[in-house]
Every structure is written in structure tokens, then in C-alpha cells.
Protein backbone atom coordinates (compact mmCIF):
# COMPACT_ATOMS: atom_id res chain seq x y z
CA UNK A 1 -64.03 9.15 -93.31
CA UNK A 2 -60.83 9.18 -91.30
CA UNK A 3 -60.55 7.14 -88.10
CA UNK A 4 -57.52 7.25 -85.86
CA UNK A 5 -55.94 3.95 -84.94
CA UNK A 6 -54.91 3.67 -81.36
CA UNK A 7 -51.53 2.22 -80.45
CA UNK A 8 -51.23 -0.24 -77.56
CA UNK A 9 -51.26 1.65 -74.28
CA UNK A 10 -47.91 1.80 -72.51
CA UNK A 11 -48.59 1.43 -68.78
CA UNK A 12 -45.54 3.46 -67.79
CA UNK A 13 -47.00 6.54 -69.51
CA UNK A 14 -50.51 5.67 -68.31
CA UNK A 15 -49.22 5.53 -64.74
CA UNK A 16 -47.69 8.95 -65.30
CA UNK A 17 -51.15 10.33 -66.15
CA UNK A 18 -52.35 9.26 -62.71
CA UNK A 19 -49.26 10.76 -61.05
CA UNK A 20 -49.80 14.02 -62.97
CA UNK A 21 -53.43 14.49 -61.94
CA UNK A 22 -52.57 13.56 -58.32
CA UNK A 23 -49.99 16.36 -58.24
CA UNK A 24 -52.58 18.75 -59.65
CA UNK A 25 -55.13 17.81 -57.07
CA UNK A 26 -52.50 18.30 -54.33
CA UNK A 27 -51.82 21.73 -55.78
CA UNK A 28 -55.50 22.63 -55.70
CA UNK A 29 -55.74 21.55 -52.08
CA UNK A 30 -53.62 24.55 -51.21
CA UNK A 31 -54.35 27.19 -53.87
CA UNK A 32 -58.14 26.85 -53.57
CA UNK A 33 -58.11 27.05 -49.81
CA UNK A 34 -58.96 30.27 -48.01
CA UNK A 35 -56.23 29.42 -45.51
CA UNK A 36 -52.97 31.30 -46.21
CA UNK A 37 -49.99 29.13 -45.35
CA UNK A 38 -47.54 31.94 -46.26
CA UNK A 39 -48.53 33.71 -43.05
CA UNK A 40 -47.54 30.71 -40.97
CA UNK A 41 -44.09 30.29 -39.40
CA UNK A 42 -41.60 28.63 -41.69
CA UNK A 43 -41.21 24.88 -40.96
CA UNK A 44 -41.04 21.57 -42.79
CA UNK A 45 -44.80 21.56 -42.65
CA UNK A 46 -45.11 24.90 -44.36
CA UNK A 47 -42.39 23.94 -46.84
CA UNK A 48 -44.45 20.92 -47.88
CA UNK A 49 -47.52 23.02 -48.56
CA UNK A 50 -45.49 25.82 -50.03
CA UNK A 51 -44.18 23.42 -52.65
CA UNK A 52 -47.82 22.42 -53.36
CA UNK A 53 -48.73 26.06 -54.11
CA UNK A 54 -46.83 26.12 -57.42
CA UNK A 55 -44.31 23.42 -58.29
CA UNK A 56 -46.41 20.28 -57.88
CA UNK A 57 -49.34 21.62 -59.89
CA UNK A 58 -47.15 23.09 -62.62
CA UNK A 59 -45.21 19.83 -62.93
CA UNK A 60 -48.48 17.91 -63.20
CA UNK A 61 -49.76 20.27 -65.98
CA UNK A 62 -46.52 19.98 -67.88
CA UNK A 63 -46.56 16.17 -67.60
CA UNK A 64 -50.11 16.03 -69.02
CA UNK A 65 -49.02 18.20 -71.95
CA UNK A 66 -45.83 16.20 -72.62
CA UNK A 67 -47.81 12.94 -72.71
CA UNK A 68 -50.29 14.28 -75.25
CA UNK A 69 -47.69 16.00 -77.42
CA UNK A 70 -45.40 12.97 -77.50
CA UNK A 71 -47.99 11.00 -79.47
CA UNK A 72 -49.36 13.98 -81.46
CA UNK A 73 -46.06 15.30 -82.81
CA UNK A 74 -45.43 12.32 -85.08
CA UNK A 75 -49.06 11.44 -85.60
CA UNK A 76 -51.16 12.22 -88.64
CA UNK A 77 -52.27 15.84 -88.63
CA UNK A 78 -55.01 17.64 -90.50
CA UNK A 79 -57.61 20.29 -89.79
CA UNK A 80 -60.31 17.63 -89.93
CA UNK A 81 -58.56 15.39 -87.40
CA UNK A 82 -57.97 18.34 -85.07
CA UNK A 83 -61.60 19.35 -85.19
CA UNK A 84 -62.68 15.77 -84.62
CA UNK A 85 -60.45 15.57 -81.52
CA UNK A 86 -61.91 18.87 -80.24
CA UNK A 87 -65.46 17.53 -80.90
CA UNK A 88 -64.77 14.41 -78.84
CA UNK A 89 -63.17 16.50 -76.07
CA UNK A 90 -66.14 18.84 -76.00
CA UNK A 91 -68.59 16.00 -75.28
CA UNK A 92 -66.75 15.20 -72.04
CA UNK A 93 -66.56 18.86 -71.05
CA UNK A 94 -70.24 19.30 -71.66
CA UNK A 95 -71.09 16.23 -69.62
CA UNK A 96 -69.28 17.46 -66.50
CA UNK A 97 -70.52 20.99 -67.07
CA UNK A 98 -74.14 19.86 -66.94
CA UNK A 99 -73.52 17.48 -64.06
CA UNK A 100 -72.05 20.40 -62.06
CA UNK A 101 -74.91 22.67 -63.08
CA UNK A 102 -77.46 20.05 -62.03
CA UNK A 103 -75.81 19.63 -58.62
CA UNK A 104 -75.62 23.36 -58.13
CA UNK A 105 -79.27 23.83 -59.09
CA UNK A 106 -80.45 21.15 -56.64
CA UNK A 107 -78.36 22.45 -53.73
CA UNK A 108 -78.40 26.18 -54.32
CA UNK A 109 -80.76 27.20 -57.16
CA UNK A 110 -80.40 30.89 -56.37
CA UNK A 111 -76.72 30.83 -57.34
CA UNK A 112 -77.55 29.68 -60.91
CA UNK A 113 -77.52 32.70 -63.23
CA UNK A 114 -76.86 33.54 -66.86
CA UNK A 115 -73.09 33.32 -66.29
CA UNK A 116 -73.51 29.79 -64.98
CA UNK A 117 -75.53 28.78 -68.01
CA UNK A 118 -73.04 30.34 -70.47
CA UNK A 119 -70.14 28.53 -68.74
CA UNK A 120 -72.08 25.27 -68.94
CA UNK A 121 -73.01 25.51 -72.60
CA UNK A 122 -69.73 26.97 -73.85
CA UNK A 123 -66.98 25.49 -71.64
CA UNK A 124 -64.17 25.89 -74.18
CA UNK A 125 -64.78 29.43 -75.34
CA UNK A 126 -65.67 30.55 -71.78
CA UNK A 127 -62.40 29.10 -70.45
CA UNK A 128 -64.15 27.11 -67.74
CA UNK A 129 -61.16 24.73 -67.64
CA UNK A 130 -58.11 26.73 -68.79
CA UNK A 131 -56.18 23.61 -69.69
CA UNK A 132 -58.98 22.26 -71.85
CA UNK A 133 -59.39 25.56 -73.63
CA UNK A 134 -55.67 25.94 -74.29
CA UNK A 135 -55.46 22.29 -75.44
CA UNK A 136 -58.35 22.72 -77.84
CA UNK A 137 -56.76 25.82 -79.38
CA UNK A 138 -53.45 23.92 -79.63
CA UNK A 139 -55.17 21.04 -81.43
CA UNK A 140 -56.64 23.50 -83.94
CA UNK A 141 -53.23 25.09 -84.59
CA UNK A 142 -51.11 21.94 -84.34
CA UNK A 143 -51.24 20.85 -88.01
CA UNK A 144 -49.89 24.30 -89.06
CA UNK A 145 -47.40 24.64 -86.22
CA UNK A 146 -45.88 21.23 -86.86
CA UNK A 147 -45.84 21.82 -90.62
CA UNK A 148 -43.96 25.03 -90.06
CA UNK A 149 -41.49 23.48 -87.62
CA UNK A 150 -40.84 20.58 -89.95
CA UNK A 151 -40.50 22.84 -92.93
CA UNK A 152 -37.97 25.19 -91.28
CA UNK A 153 -35.42 22.33 -90.87
CA UNK A 154 -33.05 21.55 -88.07
CA UNK A 155 -30.88 24.69 -88.25
CA UNK A 156 -33.77 27.17 -88.02
CA UNK A 157 -35.55 25.04 -85.50
CA UNK A 158 -32.39 25.10 -83.34
CA UNK A 159 -32.31 28.91 -83.50
CA UNK A 160 -36.01 29.04 -82.64
CA UNK A 161 -35.49 26.87 -79.49
CA UNK A 162 -32.51 29.06 -78.43
CA UNK A 163 -34.57 32.23 -78.85
CA UNK A 164 -37.53 30.85 -76.86
CA UNK A 165 -35.29 29.41 -74.12
CA UNK A 166 -33.54 32.73 -73.83
CA UNK A 167 -36.81 34.69 -73.70
CA UNK A 168 -39.06 32.45 -71.62
CA UNK A 169 -36.36 30.42 -69.90
CA UNK A 170 -33.43 32.68 -68.90
CA UNK A 171 -34.86 36.20 -69.01
CA UNK A 172 -38.15 35.13 -67.42
CA UNK A 173 -36.19 34.06 -64.29
CA UNK A 174 -35.75 37.72 -63.41
CA UNK A 175 -38.17 38.58 -60.53
CA UNK A 176 -41.00 40.75 -61.79
CA UNK A 177 -40.17 40.06 -65.43
CA UNK A 178 -43.20 40.92 -67.56
CA UNK A 179 -42.71 38.07 -70.02
CA UNK A 180 -45.04 35.61 -68.37
CA UNK A 181 -46.69 33.21 -70.85
CA UNK A 182 -48.89 32.02 -67.91
CA UNK A 183 -51.71 29.51 -68.44
CA UNK A 184 -52.67 29.78 -72.08
CA UNK A 185 -51.94 28.30 -75.47
CA UNK A 186 -48.70 30.26 -75.85
CA UNK A 187 -47.08 28.07 -73.19
CA UNK A 188 -48.41 24.99 -75.00
CA UNK A 189 -46.82 26.07 -78.26
CA UNK A 190 -43.56 26.84 -76.42
CA UNK A 191 -43.43 23.23 -75.13
CA UNK A 192 -44.37 21.96 -78.55
CA UNK A 193 -41.42 23.67 -80.14
CA UNK A 194 -38.99 22.27 -77.56
CA UNK A 195 -40.39 18.72 -77.44
CA UNK A 196 -40.59 18.41 -81.25
CA UNK A 197 -36.94 19.42 -81.55
CA UNK A 198 -35.93 16.80 -79.02
CA UNK A 199 -37.95 14.10 -80.67
CA UNK A 200 -36.88 14.85 -84.26
CA UNK A 201 -33.24 15.82 -83.88
CA UNK A 202 -31.70 14.85 -80.52
CA UNK A 203 -30.53 11.43 -79.30
CA UNK A 204 -32.76 9.81 -76.71
CA UNK A 205 -31.94 10.83 -73.16
CA UNK A 206 -30.86 7.90 -70.94
CA UNK A 207 -32.61 7.12 -67.66
CA UNK A 208 -29.56 8.32 -65.82
CA UNK A 209 -29.60 11.61 -67.68
CA UNK A 210 -33.36 11.95 -67.07
CA UNK A 211 -32.86 11.36 -63.36
CA UNK A 212 -30.08 13.92 -63.17
CA UNK A 213 -32.31 16.43 -64.95
CA UNK A 214 -35.26 15.80 -62.63
CA UNK A 215 -33.15 15.90 -59.49
CA UNK A 216 -31.37 19.06 -60.60
CA UNK A 217 -34.62 20.86 -61.30
CA UNK A 218 -36.13 19.68 -58.00
CA UNK A 219 -33.03 20.79 -56.07
CA UNK A 220 -33.20 24.27 -57.55
CA UNK A 221 -36.88 24.64 -56.61
CA UNK A 222 -36.51 23.23 -53.09
CA UNK A 223 -33.32 25.11 -52.20
CA UNK A 224 -34.73 28.31 -53.65
CA UNK A 225 -37.85 27.98 -51.49
CA UNK A 226 -35.88 27.25 -48.32
CA UNK A 227 -33.30 30.00 -48.76
CA UNK A 228 -35.73 32.73 -49.65
CA UNK A 229 -38.24 31.68 -46.95
CA UNK A 230 -35.47 32.11 -44.34
CA UNK A 231 -34.28 35.37 -45.93
CA UNK A 232 -37.67 37.01 -46.10
CA UNK A 233 -39.38 35.59 -43.07
CA UNK A 234 -42.81 37.13 -42.57
CA UNK A 235 -42.81 38.99 -45.89
CA UNK A 236 -45.05 36.74 -47.91
CA UNK A 237 -45.64 39.16 -50.84
CA UNK A 238 -41.91 39.79 -51.42
CA UNK A 239 -41.21 36.09 -50.87
CA UNK A 240 -43.60 34.96 -53.64
CA UNK A 241 -42.30 37.63 -56.03
CA UNK A 242 -38.79 36.18 -55.82
CA UNK A 243 -39.67 32.45 -55.54
CA UNK A 244 -42.20 32.21 -58.37
CA UNK A 245 -39.79 32.77 -61.32
CA UNK A 246 -38.24 29.33 -60.70
CA UNK A 247 -41.53 27.51 -60.20
CA UNK A 248 -44.22 29.07 -62.29
CA UNK A 249 -45.68 27.56 -65.43
CA UNK A 250 -43.08 26.51 -68.02
CA UNK A 251 -40.09 27.81 -66.02
CA UNK A 252 -36.78 26.05 -66.72
CA UNK A 253 -36.71 24.13 -63.40
CA UNK A 254 -40.28 23.00 -63.92
CA UNK A 255 -39.49 21.82 -67.47
CA UNK A 256 -36.33 20.07 -66.20
CA UNK A 257 -38.24 18.13 -63.58
CA UNK A 258 -41.19 17.36 -65.84
CA UNK A 259 -39.15 16.22 -68.80
CA UNK A 260 -36.90 14.08 -66.66
CA UNK A 261 -39.87 12.39 -64.96
CA UNK A 262 -41.53 11.86 -68.39
CA UNK A 263 -38.48 10.14 -69.82
CA UNK A 264 -38.20 7.87 -66.76
CA UNK A 265 -41.88 6.76 -66.95
CA UNK A 266 -41.75 6.42 -70.74
CA UNK A 267 -38.93 3.97 -70.33
CA UNK A 268 -40.98 1.67 -68.05
CA UNK A 269 -41.85 -1.39 -70.08
CA UNK A 270 -44.83 -3.11 -68.47
CA UNK A 271 -48.49 -3.64 -69.13
CA UNK A 272 -51.18 -3.38 -66.48
CA UNK A 273 -54.88 -3.42 -67.24
CA UNK A 274 -55.65 -1.83 -63.89
CA UNK A 275 -53.24 1.07 -64.44
CA UNK A 276 -54.58 1.58 -67.96
CA UNK A 277 -58.15 1.46 -66.77
CA UNK A 278 -57.63 4.08 -64.05
CA UNK A 279 -55.55 6.28 -66.35
CA UNK A 280 -58.48 6.59 -68.74
CA UNK A 281 -60.12 8.78 -66.10
CA UNK A 282 -57.08 10.93 -65.20
CA UNK A 283 -58.19 13.90 -67.25
CA UNK A 284 -61.77 13.56 -65.90
CA UNK A 285 -60.42 13.85 -62.35
CA UNK A 286 -59.03 17.25 -63.33
CA UNK A 287 -62.35 18.25 -64.97
CA UNK A 288 -64.43 17.13 -61.97
CA UNK A 289 -62.28 18.73 -59.26
CA UNK A 290 -61.91 22.00 -61.26
CA UNK A 291 -65.56 22.36 -62.27
CA UNK A 292 -66.52 25.62 -60.53
CA UNK A 293 -69.26 24.30 -58.29
CA UNK A 294 -67.55 21.03 -57.37
CA UNK A 295 -64.27 22.87 -56.70
CA UNK A 296 -65.90 25.15 -54.16
CA UNK A 297 -67.63 22.30 -52.41
CA UNK A 298 -64.49 20.12 -52.31
CA UNK A 299 -61.97 22.63 -51.06
CA UNK A 300 -64.16 24.80 -48.77
CA UNK A 301 -66.64 22.29 -47.33
CA UNK A 302 -65.25 18.76 -47.63
CA UNK A 303 -61.54 19.30 -47.35
CA UNK A 304 -60.50 22.70 -45.97
CA UNK A 305 -56.77 22.98 -45.30
CA UNK A 306 -57.31 25.37 -42.42
CA UNK A 307 -59.19 22.65 -40.48
CA UNK A 308 -56.14 20.42 -40.21
CA UNK A 309 -53.05 22.45 -41.02
CA UNK A 310 -51.96 22.61 -37.36
CA UNK A 311 -52.63 18.90 -36.75
CA UNK A 312 -49.64 16.68 -35.98
CA UNK A 313 -50.76 14.47 -38.85
CA UNK A 314 -51.52 17.25 -41.30
CA UNK A 315 -49.36 15.88 -44.13
CA UNK A 316 -50.81 12.40 -43.74
CA UNK A 317 -54.31 13.82 -43.73
CA UNK A 318 -53.59 15.77 -46.86
CA UNK A 319 -52.19 12.70 -48.67
CA UNK A 320 -55.23 10.63 -47.70
CA UNK A 321 -57.60 13.45 -48.73
CA UNK A 322 -55.91 13.90 -52.15
CA UNK A 323 -55.89 10.14 -52.80
CA UNK A 324 -59.54 9.89 -51.75
CA UNK A 325 -60.64 12.74 -54.00
CA UNK A 326 -58.78 11.23 -56.97
CA UNK A 327 -60.36 7.84 -56.29
CA UNK A 328 -63.90 9.20 -55.92
CA UNK A 329 -63.59 11.34 -59.04
CA UNK A 330 -62.24 8.31 -60.94
CA UNK A 331 -65.23 6.21 -59.91
CA UNK A 332 -67.55 9.06 -60.98
CA UNK A 333 -65.90 8.97 -64.40
CA UNK A 334 -66.35 5.20 -64.63
CA UNK A 335 -70.09 5.94 -64.50
CA UNK A 336 -69.68 8.54 -67.24
CA UNK A 337 -67.75 6.09 -69.38
CA UNK A 338 -70.51 3.54 -68.92
CA UNK A 339 -73.12 6.05 -70.09
CA UNK A 340 -71.00 7.07 -73.07
CA UNK A 341 -70.39 3.42 -73.96
CA UNK A 342 -74.12 2.81 -74.24
CA UNK A 343 -74.84 6.02 -76.08
CA UNK A 344 -72.32 8.41 -77.70
CA UNK A 345 -69.42 5.97 -78.04
CA UNK A 346 -71.36 3.32 -79.89
CA UNK A 347 -70.45 5.22 -83.06
CA UNK A 348 -67.74 7.56 -81.79
CA UNK A 349 -67.32 10.63 -83.97
CA UNK A 350 -69.89 9.52 -86.52
CA UNK A 351 -72.01 12.65 -86.15
CA UNK A 352 -68.98 14.81 -86.62
CA UNK A 353 -67.85 12.89 -89.69
CA UNK A 354 -71.30 13.27 -91.25
CA UNK A 355 -71.43 16.96 -90.46
CA UNK A 356 -67.93 17.55 -91.85
CA UNK A 357 -68.74 15.62 -95.03
CA UNK A 358 -71.95 17.61 -95.51
CA UNK A 359 -70.30 20.95 -94.98
CA UNK A 360 -67.42 19.93 -97.29
CA UNK A 361 -69.87 18.95 -99.97
CA UNK A 362 -71.92 22.10 -99.66
CA UNK A 363 -68.72 24.18 -99.71
CA UNK A 364 -67.72 22.42 -102.91
CA UNK A 365 -71.04 23.32 -104.53
CA UNK A 366 -70.64 26.93 -103.32
CA UNK A 367 -67.24 27.14 -104.94
CA UNK A 368 -68.72 25.85 -108.20
CA UNK A 369 -71.47 28.50 -108.10
CA UNK A 370 -68.99 31.31 -107.39
CA UNK A 371 -66.82 30.26 -110.38
CA UNK A 372 -69.74 30.51 -112.78
């Protein structure tokens, strides 16, 4: 039986998990609202929410992925370990799936149908949470992807990075370019190729270099939003067509900002039990706020952007709302952790290990029979 040993938690990176999920929740405040800010007059207020539409959420997603990959790239890899990680991930997905289903059935039983049940029982294959689905597929492929990258050596890996940066970095900046890798495992593999090259072959980036990278990427995104918003005032469809190439998933400016921020937080050398404790629930905050039923309740009933967009204190209200939602979801996950501690986590992964050993043993006997 293989059991992964956990390294001491670095609070700088743990704090970054909290920052990442907060950016994602701020992004959802706007994108899941029925209120269209792009039809509002351009102002600092609209610019704030306009940046929430894409950049903040995409930076948060990339930060989550960078944190996970940083430890996985040089960690022990095998098909068994990958499946074990997916098994453990699936338990949390199922928990929040059934909590959401229960709440939906109590409040609105008529809305529960066969689609709801399928989403609840098969959250990964049904893509209920796209990030979780893509991450699970990445975990399954990672032993083979990393073996291939390691085996190709530095020279070929360099050419691979150049090709991908040219295809999905430079060419994909063309408005309307049909090369979008969007929100699926392809983008995850793209980032894996780039990050593994940095970690294996390049010298560590200094904090000054990381800050320059993050500021440069942020400047491109902000200036691009301002200039095009003034250029195409009142033409929201055309505006988004030309703005999105610099701020969609895995775009060069987004990667610049995310990687720069990641390096800065990784360099923070401190330990905080409070930060580490709250960071344990960062991913759960995403799961809770993006569970289909909870998402509709949160962004259409509890916090609807249209109700306070025109308020003088709209940005302050948004910040308080986002912080409150993150805090409430974190507390909810503390309850889940307590339940798991008393039940499933008493022997974490033991059921999987026994099943894997059993299947492996039976497969061995089958091979013997086939050889006879």
C-alpha cells in the first residue's frame, strides 16, 4: 500500500489559495448575475466590474492550478496514486453534490429531475464543476505526461514550449481566433508543459522579476480594457470580442500575472496555523458556490449585482458580499471536515487501497489463465 507523505504547509502558498478562491468568487458575482454591466456607461465603477468578468476569475483559476502542479510535478507519480487522488477528490464532490440536492429537494422538489440526479451521482463525468473534472482528467494523465516531458529532454521540451506559446499565446491573441483551449484539460496540460520547463530547467525568478511580470500583465489587461471601452462605447458585443483575447483562460497576460503572483507568494516564509486552517477549505468554497443550486440561490436571491450596482457604495458592498460568502462557505466546509474526520478520514483511502489490491490480484490471476 502506498501512502503519500505530506510536506509541511507553507503559509505563503496557503494564503494564495484563499486569495485565488476569493478572486473566483468575485468573478462569479458578475458572470452569474442577470444584470449586464456592459450596457452601462463606462466609468471607474464599470471598469471594476468589467475586470471581474474575466481577468480576476481566470487569474484565480490559474493560481489554483499552479499551486497544485508545483507540488505534483516533482512528486511521485503512478497510475495508482493518480486514481487514489481522484478517489479522494470524488468523496468531497459527492458530499457537496448531495448537500445541494438535499437543499434543492427541500425548497423546490419539483425542480429535481433525472438530470439533477445524474449530476449529483456522477459529478466528474457530468462536468458539474468544470475545474474538478479537468483536474481529475489531468491527474489521470499526469504520470504519462510528465514521463514524456522528462524523457524528451531540455532541447525538445524547449521547442514544445515555443510551439505552444506561439499557438496558444501569440496567435490566440488575434480577435476571433478559433484556437481557444477554453475551460478543459487541454489548458491544464498547456500550463503543465510550461511550468515543468520552468521548474526543471530555468533559474528561479526573483521577487523583483515576479513583480515586474505581474505588473506588466496587469497593465496590459487594464489598459486594453480602458482603451477599447472608450473606443467602442455602447457596442458591448464588439467590445468583448476584442478585449477577451488578452484576458481569457490561459492568455499570455493572465499567465504573466498569475505566475508573477505565484512566485511572490511562494517566496513568503512564514507559518500561520490560522491561514493554513482556512486554506484547507479554499477548494470547497469554489465547490459550494459553484454547485448548481447554491449558485443560483447565491447570485440571484442573496446577492444580486443589479440591486446595488448604482449605489454609491457598490464596490464596498461587493467586497463585503464576496468576503462574507467566502467566510460562510468556509465555515460550512469546517462542518464537512468534522464529519469526514469522524467517518471517512479515519482510514483515508483504505477502501481504495483494498479495492485496487483486489483488482490487481484478480487481474494477475486472469493473466495466468490466459497464458495457459
